[in-house]
Amino acid sequence: MRSKAETQRLYEEIWRTTFGDSDDFIALYSRTTFDPRRTHLLTTLDQSRALSHVQYLPYQMRYRDQWWRAGYISGAATASDQRGKGLVQHLMRASHQQMWRDGCLCAFLIPAEEWLYHFYRKMGYATLYGKRLTPTLEGEPTDRPSGEAWQQYRSWQATLAEHYPTVAHSYHQWRTLLASLALEEGGVGTIGETTYYYYRDAEGKRQSVLAIPPAEEPADGAFDLSAPFGMLRPLRIAELLTWATEQGLLAGEQLLPATLYHDEQRIVFDLLDEQIPTNSGRYCVLRQHRQLLFAPRPNDRLINPLTPDQLLAALPTLQHTLVYAMME
């Protein structure tokens, strides 16, 4: 079994060669975020070199007064000479199953390139919408005290959660975000009534990663809900559907093309989850009672089954989850 130091060395190696981040950033990430218990690595037989890496970071998600666990996929990478062998897919499956055991209701990620949306869709992820409009800053922000900025951030996210399921940072995660911005001469400051989280790009221009409007501005007024921003994958599907059914959030008409039976009383459909087989089976939504029934079934007995990403089409509220991942 590898020691924590050895696991950290291997993950830092593949992170550095794949993403090209600075040593300062990698050191910050290792110090504040890295946890070998949630890190999945494939190495050479002598463990001298990392071949592929995936880890997940624990988050809380909130919608109104409902909280649940979620996992953010971070640093999915494969060495350039090992790509095309399905190594990341293997590690993603292991990570998804670990998140399921840890009680995470869903997983989310932010693809670094456009083609990766298709790549992750094959693993059950559906596209999220809700890109924040963050233009280049015009003017110099006035630094905001840390404690005041944190309280405003918490209040702003609570307001968002009244309208959309929202990823909530802990204070530690938020402080790590500030530390990562500081590495690029950034921080938190105000221009007029708007608070900006910003950094300097390679040309020395200030760029914002997040802009928090005044409290009186509508919470959804600064988001483009047609722009893809990330991806979401349901993990504990029966629990997610039970919650959505109880909340009246299930858009039943979206399920009709795949349903085996439907009327005013119930909707019956099959679902196939190749990454988490525990989820595969037959689901019955009792519409008027807002209840869910589930029966596990082997894959060869599933009829026209939905996949996890297709299921999210029936949960439009979750399609607009606002994702703010640490160190995006």
C-alpha atoms as a PDB file:
ATOM      1  CA  MET A   1       0.000   0.000   0.000  1.00  0.00           C
ATOM      2  CA  ARG A   2       1.357   3.399  -0.992  1.00  0.00           C
ATOM      3  CA  SER A   3       2.113   6.002   1.658  1.00  0.00           C
ATOM      4  CA  LYS A   4       0.359   9.367   1.531  1.00  0.00           C
ATOM      5  CA  ALA A   5       3.628  11.027   0.499  1.00  0.00           C
ATOM      6  CA  GLU A   6       4.134   8.592  -2.373  1.00  0.00           C
ATOM      7  CA  THR A   7       0.543   8.963  -3.580  1.00  0.00           C
ATOM      8  CA  GLN A   8       0.945  12.728  -3.438  1.00  0.00           C
ATOM      9  CA  ARG A   9       4.179  12.598  -5.445  1.00  0.00           C
ATOM     10  CA  LEU A  10       2.555  10.507  -8.165  1.00  0.00           C
ATOM     11  CA  TYR A  11      -0.563  12.660  -8.434  1.00  0.00           C
ATOM     12  CA  GLU A  12       1.520  15.865  -8.514  1.00  0.00           C
ATOM     13  CA  GLU A  13       3.611  14.383 -11.330  1.00  0.00           C
ATOM     14  CA  ILE A  14       0.676  13.601 -13.588  1.00  0.00           C
ATOM     15  CA  TRP A  15      -1.104  16.852 -12.670  1.00  0.00           C
ATOM     16  CA  ARG A  16       1.972  18.894 -13.609  1.00  0.00           C
ATOM     17  CA  THR A  17       2.570  17.152 -16.941  1.00  0.00           C
ATOM     18  CA  THR A  18      -1.130  17.117 -17.947  1.00  0.00           C
ATOM     19  CA  PHE A  19      -2.402  20.537 -16.848  1.00  0.00           C
ATOM     20  CA  GLY A  20       0.800  22.557 -16.774  1.00  0.00           C
ATOM     21  CA  ASP A  21      -0.049  24.356 -13.519  1.00  0.00           C
ATOM     22  CA  SER A  22       2.656  26.165 -11.578  1.00  0.00           C
ATOM     23  CA  ASP A  23       4.519  24.570  -8.691  1.00  0.00           C
ATOM     24  CA  ASP A  24       2.955  27.172  -6.365  1.00  0.00           C
ATOM     25  CA  PHE A  25      -0.555  26.188  -7.422  1.00  0.00           C
ATOM     26  CA  ILE A  26       0.147  22.460  -7.106  1.00  0.00           C
ATOM     27  CA  ALA A  27       1.679  23.032  -3.660  1.00  0.00           C
ATOM     28  CA  LEU A  28      -1.433  24.966  -2.577  1.00  0.00           C
ATOM     29  CA  TYR A  29      -3.734  22.263  -3.924  1.00  0.00           C
ATOM     30  CA  SER A  30      -1.726  19.534  -2.176  1.00  0.00           C
ATOM     31  CA  ARG A  31      -1.693  21.413   1.122  1.00  0.00           C
ATOM     32  CA  THR A  32      -5.366  22.371   1.225  1.00  0.00           C
ATOM     33  CA  THR A  33      -7.264  19.877  -0.919  1.00  0.00           C
ATOM     34  CA  PHE A  34      -5.423  16.625  -1.632  1.00  0.00           C
ATOM     35  CA  ASP A  35      -6.733  13.570   0.232  1.00  0.00           C
ATOM     36  CA  PRO A  36      -5.378  10.098  -0.655  1.00  0.00           C
ATOM     37  CA  ARG A  37      -8.611   8.506   0.605  1.00  0.00           C
ATOM     38  CA  ARG A  38     -10.488  10.011  -2.354  1.00  0.00           C
ATOM     39  CA  THR A  39      -7.678   9.694  -4.895  1.00  0.00           C
ATOM     40  CA  HIS A  40      -7.627   6.922  -7.503  1.00  0.00           C
ATOM     41  CA  LEU A  41      -4.353   6.198  -9.281  1.00  0.00           C
ATOM     42  CA  LEU A  42      -3.091   3.723 -11.848  1.00  0.00           C
ATOM     43  CA  THR A  43       0.683   3.351 -11.956  1.00  0.00           C
ATOM     44  CA  THR A  44       3.398   1.270 -13.550  1.00  0.00           C
ATOM     45  CA  LEU A  45       4.078  -2.075 -11.834  1.00  0.00           C
ATOM     46  CA  ASP A  46       7.010  -0.656  -9.871  1.00  0.00           C
ATOM     47  CA  GLN A  47       4.848   2.389  -8.913  1.00  0.00           C
ATOM     48  CA  SER A  48       7.533   4.729 -10.178  1.00  0.00           C
ATOM     49  CA  ARG A  49       5.197   6.559 -12.559  1.00  0.00           C
ATOM     50  CA  ALA A  50       1.519   7.562 -12.576  1.00  0.00           C
ATOM     51  CA  LEU A  51      -0.449   6.515 -15.657  1.00  0.00           C
ATOM     52  CA  SER A  52      -3.917   7.870 -14.829  1.00  0.00           C
ATOM     53  CA  HIS A  53      -5.507   9.814 -11.992  1.00  0.00           C
ATOM     54  CA  VAL A  54      -8.967  10.835 -10.747  1.00  0.00           C
ATOM     55  CA  GLN A  55     -10.011  12.238  -7.396  1.00  0.00           C
ATOM     56  CA  TYR A  56     -13.208  13.651  -5.986  1.00  0.00           C
ATOM     57  CA  LEU A  57     -13.709  16.576  -3.642  1.00  0.00           C
ATOM     58  CA  PRO A  58     -16.600  16.557  -1.151  1.00  0.00           C
ATOM     59  CA  TYR A  59     -19.136  19.370  -1.374  1.00  0.00           C
ATOM     60  CA  GLN A  60     -22.577  20.177  -0.051  1.00  0.00           C
ATOM     61  CA  MET A  61     -25.423  21.112  -2.372  1.00  0.00           C
ATOM     62  CA  ARG A  62     -28.443  23.092  -1.259  1.00  0.00           C
ATOM     63  CA  TYR A  63     -31.909  23.683  -2.668  1.00  0.00           C
ATOM     64  CA  ARG A  64     -34.210  25.778  -0.500  1.00  0.00           C
ATOM     65  CA  ASP A  65     -33.751  24.146   2.923  1.00  0.00           C
ATOM     66  CA  GLN A  66     -32.643  20.754   1.582  1.00  0.00           C
ATOM     67  CA  TRP A  67     -28.972  19.767   1.857  1.00  0.00           C
ATOM     68  CA  TRP A  68     -27.227  16.757   0.357  1.00  0.00           C
ATOM     69  CA  ARG A  69     -23.733  15.533  -0.364  1.00  0.00           C
ATOM     70  CA  ALA A  70     -22.107  15.840  -3.766  1.00  0.00           C
ATOM     71  CA  GLY A  71     -18.704  15.040  -5.223  1.00  0.00           C
ATOM     72  CA  TYR A  72     -16.670  17.147  -7.624  1.00  0.00           C
ATOM     73  CA  ILE A  73     -14.459  15.209 -10.049  1.00  0.00           C
ATOM     74  CA  SER A  74     -11.035  16.853 -10.005  1.00  0.00           C
ATOM     75  CA  GLY A  75      -7.877  16.230 -11.998  1.00  0.00           C
ATOM     76  CA  ALA A  76      -9.106  13.480 -14.318  1.00  0.00           C
ATOM     77  CA  ALA A  77      -5.963  12.857 -16.370  1.00  0.00           C
ATOM     78  CA  THR A  78      -4.031  10.194 -18.265  1.00  0.00           C
ATOM     79  CA  ALA A  79      -0.383  10.279 -19.335  1.00  0.00           C
ATOM     80  CA  SER A  80      -0.140  11.233 -23.010  1.00  0.00           C
ATOM     81  CA  ASP A  81       1.333   7.861 -24.068  1.00  0.00           C
ATOM     82  CA  GLN A  82      -1.419   5.910 -22.280  1.00  0.00           C
ATOM     83  CA  ARG A  83      -4.525   7.563 -23.720  1.00  0.00           C
ATOM     84  CA  GLY A  84      -7.152   5.615 -25.589  1.00  0.00           C
ATOM     85  CA  LYS A  85      -6.962   2.604 -23.243  1.00  0.00           C
ATOM     86  CA  GLY A  86      -9.977   3.466 -21.083  1.00  0.00           C
ATOM     87  CA  LEU A  87      -7.905   4.200 -17.956  1.00  0.00           C
ATOM     88  CA  VAL A  88      -9.838   7.300 -16.904  1.00  0.00           C
ATOM     89  CA  GLN A  89     -13.146   5.524 -17.487  1.00  0.00           C
ATOM     90  CA  HIS A  90     -11.981   2.778 -15.128  1.00  0.00           C
ATOM     91  CA  LEU A  91     -11.001   5.268 -12.433  1.00  0.00           C
ATOM     92  CA  MET A  92     -14.178   7.309 -12.905  1.00  0.00           C
ATOM     93  CA  ARG A  93     -16.212   4.168 -12.249  1.00  0.00           C
ATOM     94  CA  ALA A  94     -14.240   3.538  -9.050  1.00  0.00           C
ATOM     95  CA  SER A  95     -14.727   7.155  -7.975  1.00  0.00           C
ATOM     96  CA  HIS A  96     -18.475   7.091  -8.714  1.00  0.00           C
ATOM     97  CA  GLN A  97     -18.914   3.935  -6.671  1.00  0.00           C
ATOM     98  CA  GLN A  98     -16.939   5.433  -3.780  1.00  0.00           C
ATOM     99  CA  MET A  99     -19.097   8.567  -3.875  1.00  0.00           C
ATOM    100  CA  TRP A 100     -22.202   6.348  -3.872  1.00  0.00           C
ATOM    101  CA  ARG A 101     -20.915   4.544  -0.753  1.00  0.00           C
ATOM    102  CA  ASP A 102     -20.101   7.897   0.857  1.00  0.00           C
ATOM    103  CA  GLY A 103     -23.711   9.010   0.434  1.00  0.00           C
ATOM    104  CA  CYS A 104     -23.247  11.503  -2.427  1.00  0.00           C
ATOM    105  CA  LEU A 105     -26.487  12.124  -4.270  1.00  0.00           C
ATOM    106  CA  CYS A 106     -24.719  13.290  -7.409  1.00  0.00           C
ATOM    107  CA  ALA A 107     -21.350  14.049  -8.990  1.00  0.00           C
ATOM    108  CA  PHE A 108     -20.407  17.124 -10.982  1.00  0.00           C
ATOM    109  CA  LEU A 109     -17.483  18.387 -13.028  1.00  0.00           C
ATOM    110  CA  ILE A 110     -16.445  21.195 -15.373  1.00  0.00           C
ATOM    111  CA  PRO A 111     -14.961  19.982 -18.682  1.00  0.00           C
ATOM    112  CA  ALA A 112     -11.829  21.860 -19.684  1.00  0.00           C
ATOM    113  CA  GLU A 113     -12.499  21.494 -23.416  1.00  0.00           C
ATOM    114  CA  GLU A 114     -15.597  21.300 -25.595  1.00  0.00           C
ATOM    115  CA  TRP A 115     -15.007  17.716 -26.791  1.00  0.00           C
ATOM    116  CA  LEU A 116     -15.012  16.461 -23.199  1.00  0.00           C
ATOM    117  CA  TYR A 117     -18.761  17.086 -22.914  1.00  0.00           C
ATOM    118  CA  HIS A 118     -19.294  14.132 -25.255  1.00  0.00           C
ATOM    119  CA  PHE A 119     -16.637  12.072 -23.448  1.00  0.00           C
ATOM    120  CA  TYR A 120     -18.287  12.452 -20.022  1.00  0.00           C
ATOM    121  CA  ARG A 121     -21.797  12.007 -21.404  1.00  0.00           C
ATOM    122  CA  LYS A 122     -20.868   8.381 -22.104  1.00  0.00           C
ATOM    123  CA  MET A 123     -20.349   7.988 -18.351  1.00  0.00           C
ATOM    124  CA  GLY A 124     -23.803   9.277 -17.456  1.00  0.00           C
ATOM    125  CA  TYR A 125     -23.193  13.045 -17.200  1.00  0.00           C
ATOM    126  CA  ALA A 126     -25.673  15.591 -18.518  1.00  0.00           C
ATOM    127  CA  THR A 127     -24.842  19.179 -19.420  1.00  0.00           C
ATOM    128  CA  LEU A 128     -25.592  21.889 -16.877  1.00  0.00           C
ATOM    129  CA  TYR A 129     -26.517  25.445 -17.765  1.00  0.00           C
ATOM    130  CA  GLY A 130     -25.854  28.585 -15.788  1.00  0.00           C
ATOM    131  CA  LYS A 131     -22.659  30.286 -16.886  1.00  0.00           C
ATOM    132  CA  ARG A 132     -22.047  33.472 -14.970  1.00  0.00           C
ATOM    133  CA  LEU A 133     -21.260  36.553 -17.033  1.00  0.00           C
ATOM    134  CA  THR A 134     -17.865  37.723 -15.787  1.00  0.00           C
ATOM    135  CA  PRO A 135     -16.397  40.385 -18.104  1.00  0.00           C
ATOM    136  CA  THR A 136     -12.980  42.003 -17.826  1.00  0.00           C
ATOM    137  CA  LEU A 137     -12.985  44.466 -14.957  1.00  0.00           C
ATOM    138  CA  GLU A 138     -13.097  48.130 -15.892  1.00  0.00           C
ATOM    139  CA  GLY A 139     -11.368  49.972 -13.094  1.00  0.00           C
ATOM    140  CA  GLU A 140      -9.505  48.928  -9.977  1.00  0.00           C
ATOM    141  CA  PRO A 141     -11.415  47.055  -7.263  1.00  0.00           C
ATOM    142  CA  THR A 142     -11.313  48.224  -3.663  1.00  0.00           C
ATOM    143  CA  ASP A 143     -10.189  45.335  -1.473  1.00  0.00           C
ATOM    144  CA  ARG A 144     -12.950  43.882   0.663  1.00  0.00           C
ATOM    145  CA  PRO A 145     -12.312  42.622   4.232  1.00  0.00           C
ATOM    146  CA  SER A 146     -12.214  38.825   4.328  1.00  0.00           C
ATOM    147  CA  GLY A 147     -14.879  38.372   7.012  1.00  0.00           C
ATOM    148  CA  GLU A 148     -17.290  40.738   5.273  1.00  0.00           C
ATOM    149  CA  ALA A 149     -16.711  39.054   1.900  1.00  0.00           C
ATOM    150  CA  TRP A 150     -17.393  35.615   3.383  1.00  0.00           C
ATOM    151  CA  GLN A 151     -20.679  36.711   4.946  1.00  0.00           C
ATOM    152  CA  GLN A 152     -21.789  38.261   1.662  1.00  0.00           C
ATOM    153  CA  TYR A 153     -20.813  35.114  -0.236  1.00  0.00           C
ATOM    154  CA  ARG A 154     -22.836  32.902   2.136  1.00  0.00           C
ATOM    155  CA  SER A 155     -25.861  35.175   1.878  1.00  0.00           C
ATOM    156  CA  TRP A 156     -25.640  35.298  -1.925  1.00  0.00           C
ATOM    157  CA  GLN A 157     -25.452  31.507  -2.216  1.00  0.00           C
ATOM    158  CA  ALA A 158     -28.407  31.076   0.150  1.00  0.00           C
ATOM    159  CA  THR A 159     -30.424  33.396  -2.097  1.00  0.00           C
ATOM    160  CA  LEU A 160     -29.433  31.387  -5.176  1.00  0.00           C
ATOM    161  CA  ALA A 161     -30.473  28.161  -3.455  1.00  0.00           C
ATOM    162  CA  GLU A 162     -34.049  29.423  -3.192  1.00  0.00           C
ATOM    163  CA  HIS A 163     -34.220  29.195  -7.007  1.00  0.00           C
ATOM    164  CA  TYR A 164     -31.675  26.559  -8.071  1.00  0.00           C
ATOM    165  CA  PRO A 165     -29.778  23.663  -6.483  1.00  0.00           C
ATOM    166  CA  THR A 166     -26.491  25.340  -5.607  1.00  0.00           C
ATOM    167  CA  VAL A 167     -23.032  24.038  -4.757  1.00  0.00           C
ATOM    168  CA  ALA A 168     -22.000  25.532  -1.424  1.00  0.00           C
ATOM    169  CA  HIS A 169     -18.374  26.067  -0.461  1.00  0.00           C
ATOM    170  CA  SER A 170     -17.261  25.516   3.096  1.00  0.00           C
ATOM    171  CA  TYR A 171     -15.207  28.290   4.699  1.00  0.00           C
ATOM    172  CA  HIS A 172     -12.055  26.219   4.130  1.00  0.00           C
ATOM    173  CA  GLN A 173     -12.883  25.761   0.427  1.00  0.00           C
ATOM    174  CA  TRP A 174     -13.650  29.447   0.078  1.00  0.00           C
ATOM    175  CA  ARG A 175     -10.338  30.415   1.707  1.00  0.00           C
ATOM    176  CA  THR A 176      -8.529  28.075  -0.680  1.00  0.00           C
ATOM    177  CA  LEU A 177     -10.241  29.814  -3.595  1.00  0.00           C
ATOM    178  CA  LEU A 178      -8.914  33.163  -2.328  1.00  0.00           C
ATOM    179  CA  ALA A 179      -5.428  31.708  -1.943  1.00  0.00           C
ATOM    180  CA  SER A 180      -5.491  30.429  -5.536  1.00  0.00           C
ATOM    181  CA  LEU A 181      -6.542  33.884  -6.785  1.00  0.00           C
ATOM    182  CA  ALA A 182      -3.742  35.495  -4.771  1.00  0.00           C
ATOM    183  CA  LEU A 183      -1.206  33.397  -6.695  1.00  0.00           C
ATOM    184  CA  GLU A 184      -2.239  35.395  -9.767  1.00  0.00           C
ATOM    185  CA  GLU A 185      -2.296  38.801  -8.060  1.00  0.00           C
ATOM    186  CA  GLY A 186      -6.023  38.576  -7.468  1.00  0.00           C
ATOM    187  CA  GLY A 187      -8.453  38.694  -4.610  1.00  0.00           C
ATOM    188  CA  VAL A 188     -11.875  40.063  -3.666  1.00  0.00           C
ATOM    189  CA  GLY A 189     -12.805  43.667  -4.246  1.00  0.00           C
ATOM    190  CA  THR A 190     -15.693  45.981  -5.071  1.00  0.00           C
ATOM    191  CA  ILE A 191     -16.378  48.312  -7.982  1.00  0.00           C
ATOM    192  CA  GLY A 192     -19.489  50.328  -7.256  1.00  0.00           C
ATOM    193  CA  GLU A 193     -22.049  47.971  -5.695  1.00  0.00           C
ATOM    194  CA  THR A 194     -20.686  44.783  -7.279  1.00  0.00           C
ATOM    195  CA  THR A 195     -18.159  42.462  -5.632  1.00  0.00           C
ATOM    196  CA  TYR A 196     -15.634  40.747  -7.906  1.00  0.00           C
ATOM    197  CA  TYR A 197     -13.436  37.700  -7.369  1.00  0.00           C
ATOM    198  CA  TYR A 198     -10.604  38.405  -9.780  1.00  0.00           C
ATOM    199  CA  TYR A 199      -7.090  37.573 -10.959  1.00  0.00           C
ATOM    200  CA  ARG A 200      -4.559  38.910 -13.498  1.00  0.00           C
ATOM    201  CA  ASP A 201      -4.176  37.033 -16.767  1.00  0.00           C
ATOM    202  CA  ALA A 202      -0.953  36.492 -18.715  1.00  0.00           C
ATOM    203  CA  GLU A 203      -1.267  39.973 -20.230  1.00  0.00           C
ATOM    204  CA  GLY A 204      -1.695  41.618 -16.841  1.00  0.00           C
ATOM    205  CA  LYS A 205      -5.406  42.374 -17.279  1.00  0.00           C
ATOM    206  CA  ARG A 206      -7.812  41.817 -14.411  1.00  0.00           C
ATOM    207  CA  GLN A 207     -10.342  39.084 -15.121  1.00  0.00           C
ATOM    208  CA  SER A 208     -13.239  38.132 -12.875  1.00  0.00           C
ATOM    209  CA  VAL A 209     -14.164  34.535 -12.065  1.00  0.00           C
ATOM    210  CA  LEU A 210     -17.235  35.565 -10.088  1.00  0.00           C
ATOM    211  CA  ALA A 211     -19.229  38.778  -9.800  1.00  0.00           C
ATOM    212  CA  ILE A 212     -21.755  39.130  -6.971  1.00  0.00           C
ATOM    213  CA  PRO A 213     -24.387  41.782  -7.710  1.00  0.00           C
ATOM    214  CA  PRO A 214     -26.052  44.045  -5.133  1.00  0.00           C
ATOM    215  CA  ALA A 215     -28.506  42.301  -2.812  1.00  0.00           C
ATOM    216  CA  GLU A 216     -31.514  43.938  -4.458  1.00  0.00           C
ATOM    217  CA  GLU A 217     -30.663  42.491  -7.897  1.00  0.00           C
ATOM    218  CA  PRO A 218     -32.553  39.264  -8.749  1.00  0.00           C
ATOM    219  CA  ALA A 219     -30.502  36.166  -7.975  1.00  0.00           C
ATOM    220  CA  ASP A 220     -30.836  34.784 -11.487  1.00  0.00           C
ATOM    221  CA  GLY A 221     -30.353  38.079 -13.274  1.00  0.00           C
ATOM    222  CA  ALA A 222     -26.645  37.627 -13.953  1.00  0.00           C
ATOM    223  CA  PHE A 223     -26.706  34.106 -15.384  1.00  0.00           C
ATOM    224  CA  ASP A 224     -27.013  32.891 -18.926  1.00  0.00           C
ATOM    225  CA  LEU A 225     -29.164  29.796 -18.535  1.00  0.00           C
ATOM    226  CA  SER A 226     -28.541  28.778 -22.138  1.00  0.00           C
ATOM    227  CA  ALA A 227     -24.762  28.545 -21.791  1.00  0.00           C
ATOM    228  CA  PRO A 228     -23.167  25.195 -20.803  1.00  0.00           C
ATOM    229  CA  PHE A 229     -21.018  25.486 -17.729  1.00  0.00           C
ATOM    230  CA  GLY A 230     -20.522  22.001 -16.340  1.00  0.00           C
ATOM    231  CA  MET A 231     -21.971  18.519 -16.096  1.00  0.00           C
ATOM    232  CA  LEU A 232     -23.975  16.618 -13.492  1.00  0.00           C
ATOM    233  CA  ARG A 233     -24.409  12.894 -12.892  1.00  0.00           C
ATOM    234  CA  PRO A 234     -26.968  11.329 -10.543  1.00  0.00           C
ATOM    235  CA  LEU A 235     -25.416   8.712  -8.240  1.00  0.00           C
ATOM    236  CA  ARG A 236     -28.037   7.576  -5.714  1.00  0.00           C
ATOM    237  CA  ILE A 237     -30.821   7.602  -8.266  1.00  0.00           C
ATOM    238  CA  ALA A 238     -33.650   6.167  -6.162  1.00  0.00           C
ATOM    239  CA  GLU A 239     -33.003   8.779  -3.461  1.00  0.00           C
ATOM    240  CA  LEU A 240     -32.795  11.578  -6.016  1.00  0.00           C
ATOM    241  CA  LEU A 241     -36.060  10.550  -7.676  1.00  0.00           C
ATOM    242  CA  THR A 242     -37.800  10.163  -4.322  1.00  0.00           C
ATOM    243  CA  TRP A 243     -36.744  13.688  -3.358  1.00  0.00           C
ATOM    244  CA  ALA A 244     -37.760  15.126  -6.745  1.00  0.00           C
ATOM    245  CA  THR A 245     -41.113  13.326  -6.637  1.00  0.00           C
ATOM    246  CA  GLU A 246     -41.884  14.563  -3.123  1.00  0.00           C
ATOM    247  CA  GLN A 247     -40.952  18.122  -4.166  1.00  0.00           C
ATOM    248  CA  GLY A 248     -43.073  17.902  -7.316  1.00  0.00           C
ATOM    249  CA  LEU A 249     -40.021  18.611  -9.480  1.00  0.00           C
ATOM    250  CA  LEU A 250     -40.285  15.640 -11.815  1.00  0.00           C
ATOM    251  CA  ALA A 251     -41.312  16.614 -15.350  1.00  0.00           C
ATOM    252  CA  GLY A 252     -43.139  13.381 -16.191  1.00  0.00           C
ATOM    253  CA  GLU A 253     -43.726  14.288 -19.846  1.00  0.00           C
ATOM    254  CA  GLN A 254     -39.952  14.125 -20.401  1.00  0.00           C
ATOM    255  CA  LEU A 255     -40.041  10.429 -19.463  1.00  0.00           C
ATOM    256  CA  LEU A 256     -42.837   9.434 -21.835  1.00  0.00           C
ATOM    257  CA  PRO A 257     -40.665   8.293 -24.787  1.00  0.00           C
ATOM    258  CA  ALA A 258     -39.046   5.674 -22.534  1.00  0.00           C
ATOM    259  CA  THR A 259     -41.965   4.715 -20.312  1.00  0.00           C
ATOM    260  CA  LEU A 260     -43.311   1.175 -20.232  1.00  0.00           C
ATOM    261  CA  TYR A 261     -46.613   2.347 -18.761  1.00  0.00           C
ATOM    262  CA  HIS A 262     -48.091   5.686 -17.853  1.00  0.00           C
ATOM    263  CA  ASP A 263     -51.423   7.196 -16.896  1.00  0.00           C
ATOM    264  CA  GLU A 264     -52.622   9.757 -14.359  1.00  0.00           C
ATOM    265  CA  GLN A 265     -51.679   7.426 -11.512  1.00  0.00           C
ATOM    266  CA  ARG A 266     -48.185   6.210 -12.337  1.00  0.00           C
ATOM    267  CA  ILE A 267     -45.186   6.218 -14.635  1.00  0.00           C
ATOM    268  CA  VAL A 268     -43.108   3.049 -15.060  1.00  0.00           C
ATOM    269  CA  PHE A 269     -39.689   2.979 -16.734  1.00  0.00           C
ATOM    270  CA  ASP A 270     -36.418   1.037 -16.705  1.00  0.00           C
ATOM    271  CA  LEU A 271     -32.976   2.534 -16.114  1.00  0.00           C
ATOM    272  CA  LEU A 272     -29.521   1.157 -16.927  1.00  0.00           C
ATOM    273  CA  ASP A 273     -26.487   2.474 -15.045  1.00  0.00           C
ATOM    274  CA  GLU A 274     -23.323   0.737 -16.227  1.00  0.00           C
ATOM    275  CA  GLN A 275     -21.103   2.647 -13.785  1.00  0.00           C
ATOM    276  CA  ILE A 276     -23.233   1.955 -10.682  1.00  0.00           C
ATOM    277  CA  PRO A 277     -25.168  -1.292 -11.315  1.00  0.00           C
ATOM    278  CA  THR A 278     -27.053  -0.867  -8.015  1.00  0.00           C
ATOM    279  CA  ASN A 279     -29.125   1.795  -9.772  1.00  0.00           C
ATOM    280  CA  SER A 280     -30.232  -0.453 -12.636  1.00  0.00           C
ATOM    281  CA  GLY A 281     -33.812  -1.659 -12.456  1.00  0.00           C
ATOM    282  CA  ARG A 282     -37.470  -0.721 -12.804  1.00  0.00           C
ATOM    283  CA  TYR A 283     -38.846   2.500 -11.346  1.00  0.00           C
ATOM    284  CA  CYS A 284     -42.494   3.329 -10.702  1.00  0.00           C
ATOM    285  CA  VAL A 285     -43.516   6.906  -9.879  1.00  0.00           C
ATOM    286  CA  LEU A 286     -46.872   7.121  -8.085  1.00  0.00           C
ATOM    287  CA  ARG A 287     -47.852  10.554  -9.306  1.00  0.00           C
ATOM    288  CA  GLN A 288     -50.704  11.519  -7.018  1.00  0.00           C
ATOM    289  CA  HIS A 289     -49.090  10.098  -3.874  1.00  0.00           C
ATOM    290  CA  ARG A 290     -45.671  11.499  -4.810  1.00  0.00           C
ATOM    291  CA  GLN A 291     -43.954   8.221  -4.035  1.00  0.00           C
ATOM    292  CA  LEU A 292     -41.370   6.077  -5.796  1.00  0.00           C
ATOM    293  CA  LEU A 293     -41.138   2.283  -6.037  1.00  0.00           C
ATOM    294  CA  PHE A 294     -37.995   0.507  -7.242  1.00  0.00           C
ATOM    295  CA  ALA A 295     -37.201  -3.098  -8.171  1.00  0.00           C
ATOM    296  CA  PRO A 296     -33.647  -4.176  -9.130  1.00  0.00           C
ATOM    297  CA  ARG A 297     -33.524  -6.053 -12.433  1.00  0.00           C
ATOM    298  CA  PRO A 298     -30.661  -7.665 -14.409  1.00  0.00           C
ATOM    299  CA  ASN A 299     -29.543  -5.824 -17.505  1.00  0.00           C
ATOM    300  CA  ASP A 300     -30.922  -8.429 -19.890  1.00  0.00           C
ATOM    301  CA  ARG A 301     -34.435  -7.893 -18.506  1.00  0.00           C
ATOM    302  CA  LEU A 302     -34.477  -4.110 -18.893  1.00  0.00           C
ATOM    303  CA  ILE A 303     -36.709  -2.751 -21.649  1.00  0.00           C
ATOM    304  CA  ASN A 304     -35.733   0.423 -23.525  1.00  0.00           C
ATOM    305  CA  PRO A 305     -33.872   1.684 -20.442  1.00  0.00           C
ATOM    306  CA  LEU A 306     -32.953   5.285 -19.746  1.00  0.00           C
ATOM    307  CA  THR A 307     -29.360   6.203 -18.951  1.00  0.00           C
ATOM    308  CA  PRO A 308     -28.520   8.542 -16.025  1.00  0.00           C
ATOM    309  CA  ASP A 309     -27.914  11.539 -18.297  1.00  0.00           C
ATOM    310  CA  GLN A 310     -31.243  10.971 -20.051  1.00  0.00           C
ATOM    311  CA  LEU A 311     -33.004  10.854 -16.698  1.00  0.00           C
ATOM    312  CA  LEU A 312     -31.877  14.388 -15.882  1.00  0.00           C
ATOM    313  CA  ALA A 313     -33.987  15.697 -18.756  1.00  0.00           C
ATOM    314  CA  ALA A 314     -36.974  14.920 -16.523  1.00  0.00           C
ATOM    315  CA  LEU A 315     -35.445  17.044 -13.747  1.00  0.00           C
ATOM    316  CA  PRO A 316     -35.143  20.484 -15.367  1.00  0.00           C
ATOM    317  CA  THR A 317     -34.485  22.116 -11.994  1.00  0.00           C
ATOM    318  CA  LEU A 318     -31.236  20.192 -11.748  1.00  0.00           C
ATOM    319  CA  GLN A 319     -30.348  21.054 -15.327  1.00  0.00           C
ATOM    320  CA  HIS A 320     -29.735  24.585 -14.070  1.00  0.00           C
ATOM    321  CA  THR A 321     -27.603  23.705 -11.086  1.00  0.00           C
ATOM    322  CA  LEU A 322     -25.185  26.560 -10.589  1.00  0.00           C
ATOM    323  CA  VAL A 323     -21.738  25.069 -10.274  1.00  0.00           C
ATOM    324  CA  TYR A 324     -18.833  26.984  -8.754  1.00  0.00           C
ATOM    325  CA  ALA A 325     -16.009  24.495  -8.446  1.00  0.00           C
ATOM    326  CA  MET A 326     -12.946  25.341  -6.421  1.00  0.00           C
ATOM    327  CA  MET A 327      -9.973  26.423  -8.543  1.00  0.00           C
ATOM    328  CA  GLU A 328     -11.904  26.161 -11.776  1.00  0.00           C
END
